[in-house]
Amino acid sequence: MILRVRSGKFEIVHRHVSPRFVSTKNLNSSQVILTLRCWLGKCALDDGVVYTLRRNLSPTNRAVLPANAACAPVWIADIFNRLTKDQTIA
């Protein structure tokens, strides 16, 4: 179910998601899962998205991603692994 709420020139879109995807121990991990799964999708994923995530997540937040991979679909868990293997920003 999608609920759209307009506030001035902004629109907030609420989507129902499985509690499994937001039951991580780290809030940032949940946000990454929801962003990739609900907003970008597997088709829009490229090296630029991975680079942006790597640049915007702190090393601490990137380090906890593998512990939360069980809450994510397999393709997102693979992205989590890519983000944690190389801790430097390329």
C-alpha atoms as a PDB file:
ATOM      1  CA  MET A   1       0.000   0.000   0.000  1.00  0.00           C
ATOM      2  CA  ILE A   2       1.278   3.460  -0.867  1.00  0.00           C
ATOM      3  CA  LEU A   3       0.104   6.597   0.898  1.00  0.00           C
ATOM      4  CA  ARG A   4       0.995   9.976  -0.606  1.00  0.00           C
ATOM      5  CA  VAL A   5       0.828  13.128   1.503  1.00  0.00           C
ATOM      6  CA  ARG A   6       1.380  16.573  -0.001  1.00  0.00           C
ATOM      7  CA  SER A   7       2.777  19.404   2.073  1.00  0.00           C
ATOM      8  CA  GLY A   8       3.310  22.540   0.027  1.00  0.00           C
ATOM      9  CA  LYS A   9       5.609  21.672  -2.838  1.00  0.00           C
ATOM     10  CA  PHE A  10       6.790  18.446  -1.174  1.00  0.00           C
ATOM     11  CA  GLU A  11       5.252  15.012  -1.398  1.00  0.00           C
ATOM     12  CA  ILE A  12       5.877  12.362   1.225  1.00  0.00           C
ATOM     13  CA  VAL A  13       5.361   8.803   0.059  1.00  0.00           C
ATOM     14  CA  HIS A  14       4.720   6.125   2.663  1.00  0.00           C
ATOM     15  CA  ARG A  15       5.097   2.515   1.558  1.00  0.00           C
ATOM     16  CA  HIS A  16       4.300  -0.591   3.498  1.00  0.00           C
ATOM     17  CA  VAL A  17       7.415  -2.667   4.061  1.00  0.00           C
ATOM     18  CA  SER A  18       7.975  -5.940   5.793  1.00  0.00           C
ATOM     19  CA  PRO A  19       9.180  -5.524   9.375  1.00  0.00           C
ATOM     20  CA  ARG A  20      12.029  -7.845   8.428  1.00  0.00           C
ATOM     21  CA  PHE A  21      13.674  -5.060   6.414  1.00  0.00           C
ATOM     22  CA  VAL A  22      13.644  -2.552   9.260  1.00  0.00           C
ATOM     23  CA  SER A  23      14.490  -4.886  12.131  1.00  0.00           C
ATOM     24  CA  THR A  24      18.222  -4.307  11.942  1.00  0.00           C
ATOM     25  CA  LYS A  25      20.262  -3.330  14.976  1.00  0.00           C
ATOM     26  CA  ASN A  26      21.569  -0.270  13.152  1.00  0.00           C
ATOM     27  CA  LEU A  27      19.262   2.486  11.861  1.00  0.00           C
ATOM     28  CA  ASN A  28      21.585   3.320   8.981  1.00  0.00           C
ATOM     29  CA  SER A  29      21.513  -0.288   7.787  1.00  0.00           C
ATOM     30  CA  SER A  30      17.704  -0.154   7.683  1.00  0.00           C
ATOM     31  CA  GLN A  31      17.820   3.074   5.720  1.00  0.00           C
ATOM     32  CA  VAL A  32      20.266   1.608   3.195  1.00  0.00           C
ATOM     33  CA  ILE A  33      18.092  -1.497   2.764  1.00  0.00           C
ATOM     34  CA  LEU A  34      14.943   0.553   2.253  1.00  0.00           C
ATOM     35  CA  THR A  35      16.649   2.968  -0.127  1.00  0.00           C
ATOM     36  CA  LEU A  36      18.033   0.199  -2.299  1.00  0.00           C
ATOM     37  CA  ARG A  37      14.962  -2.024  -2.191  1.00  0.00           C
ATOM     38  CA  CYS A  38      12.077   0.452  -2.303  1.00  0.00           C
ATOM     39  CA  TRP A  39      13.437   3.463  -4.124  1.00  0.00           C
ATOM     40  CA  LEU A  40      16.282   2.463  -6.418  1.00  0.00           C
ATOM     41  CA  GLY A  41      15.726  -1.216  -7.062  1.00  0.00           C
ATOM     42  CA  LYS A  42      18.071  -3.805  -8.477  1.00  0.00           C
ATOM     43  CA  CYS A  43      17.927  -2.362 -12.018  1.00  0.00           C
ATOM     44  CA  ALA A  44      19.161   1.106 -11.019  1.00  0.00           C
ATOM     45  CA  LEU A  45      22.103  -0.214  -9.040  1.00  0.00           C
ATOM     46  CA  ASP A  46      25.503   0.616 -10.484  1.00  0.00           C
ATOM     47  CA  ASP A  47      29.011   1.482  -9.345  1.00  0.00           C
ATOM     48  CA  GLY A  48      27.970   5.118  -8.884  1.00  0.00           C
ATOM     49  CA  VAL A  49      25.382   4.142  -6.281  1.00  0.00           C
ATOM     50  CA  VAL A  50      27.925   1.988  -4.454  1.00  0.00           C
ATOM     51  CA  TYR A  51      30.437   4.856  -4.555  1.00  0.00           C
ATOM     52  CA  THR A  52      27.836   7.291  -3.177  1.00  0.00           C
ATOM     53  CA  LEU A  53      26.943   4.930  -0.345  1.00  0.00           C
ATOM     54  CA  ARG A  54      30.603   4.377   0.477  1.00  0.00           C
ATOM     55  CA  ARG A  55      31.216   8.135   0.516  1.00  0.00           C
ATOM     56  CA  ASN A  56      28.156   8.969   2.644  1.00  0.00           C
ATOM     57  CA  LEU A  57      28.365   6.178   5.216  1.00  0.00           C
ATOM     58  CA  SER A  58      30.948   6.516   7.931  1.00  0.00           C
ATOM     59  CA  PRO A  59      33.507   3.713   8.321  1.00  0.00           C
ATOM     60  CA  THR A  60      31.726   2.698  11.525  1.00  0.00           C
ATOM     61  CA  ASN A  61      28.366   2.417   9.759  1.00  0.00           C
ATOM     62  CA  ARG A  62      29.917   0.508   6.854  1.00  0.00           C
ATOM     63  CA  ALA A  63      31.540  -1.910   9.315  1.00  0.00           C
ATOM     64  CA  VAL A  64      28.182  -2.966  10.830  1.00  0.00           C
ATOM     65  CA  LEU A  65      26.486  -3.657   7.486  1.00  0.00           C
ATOM     66  CA  PRO A  66      27.492  -7.357   7.270  1.00  0.00           C
ATOM     67  CA  ALA A  67      25.962  -8.031  10.693  1.00  0.00           C
ATOM     68  CA  ASN A  68      22.632  -6.779   9.318  1.00  0.00           C
ATOM     69  CA  ALA A  69      22.841  -8.549   5.956  1.00  0.00           C
ATOM     70  CA  ALA A  70      20.461 -11.282   7.130  1.00  0.00           C
ATOM     71  CA  CYS A  71      17.662  -8.684   7.158  1.00  0.00           C
ATOM     72  CA  ALA A  72      18.300  -7.768   3.527  1.00  0.00           C
ATOM     73  CA  PRO A  73      17.619  -9.518   0.230  1.00  0.00           C
ATOM     74  CA  VAL A  74      20.621 -11.385  -1.168  1.00  0.00           C
ATOM     75  CA  TRP A  75      21.440  -8.726  -3.780  1.00  0.00           C
ATOM     76  CA  ILE A  76      21.574  -6.040  -1.081  1.00  0.00           C
ATOM     77  CA  ALA A  77      23.690  -8.286   1.159  1.00  0.00           C
ATOM     78  CA  ASP A  78      26.155  -8.465  -1.754  1.00  0.00           C
ATOM     79  CA  ILE A  79      26.262  -4.652  -1.833  1.00  0.00           C
ATOM     80  CA  PHE A  80      26.884  -4.643   1.928  1.00  0.00           C
ATOM     81  CA  ASN A  81      29.863  -6.926   1.354  1.00  0.00           C
ATOM     82  CA  ARG A  82      31.185  -4.675  -1.431  1.00  0.00           C
ATOM     83  CA  LEU A  83      30.893  -1.647   0.837  1.00  0.00           C
ATOM     84  CA  THR A  84      32.845  -3.270   3.656  1.00  0.00           C
ATOM     85  CA  LYS A  85      35.614  -4.969   1.671  1.00  0.00           C
ATOM     86  CA  ASP A  86      37.248  -1.741   0.569  1.00  0.00           C
ATOM     87  CA  GLN A  87      37.003   0.792   3.385  1.00  0.00           C
ATOM     88  CA  THR A  88      38.733   3.512   1.365  1.00  0.00           C
ATOM     89  CA  ILE A  89      36.841   5.911  -0.870  1.00  0.00           C
ATOM     90  CA  ALA A  90      37.960   5.275  -4.421  1.00  0.00           C
END
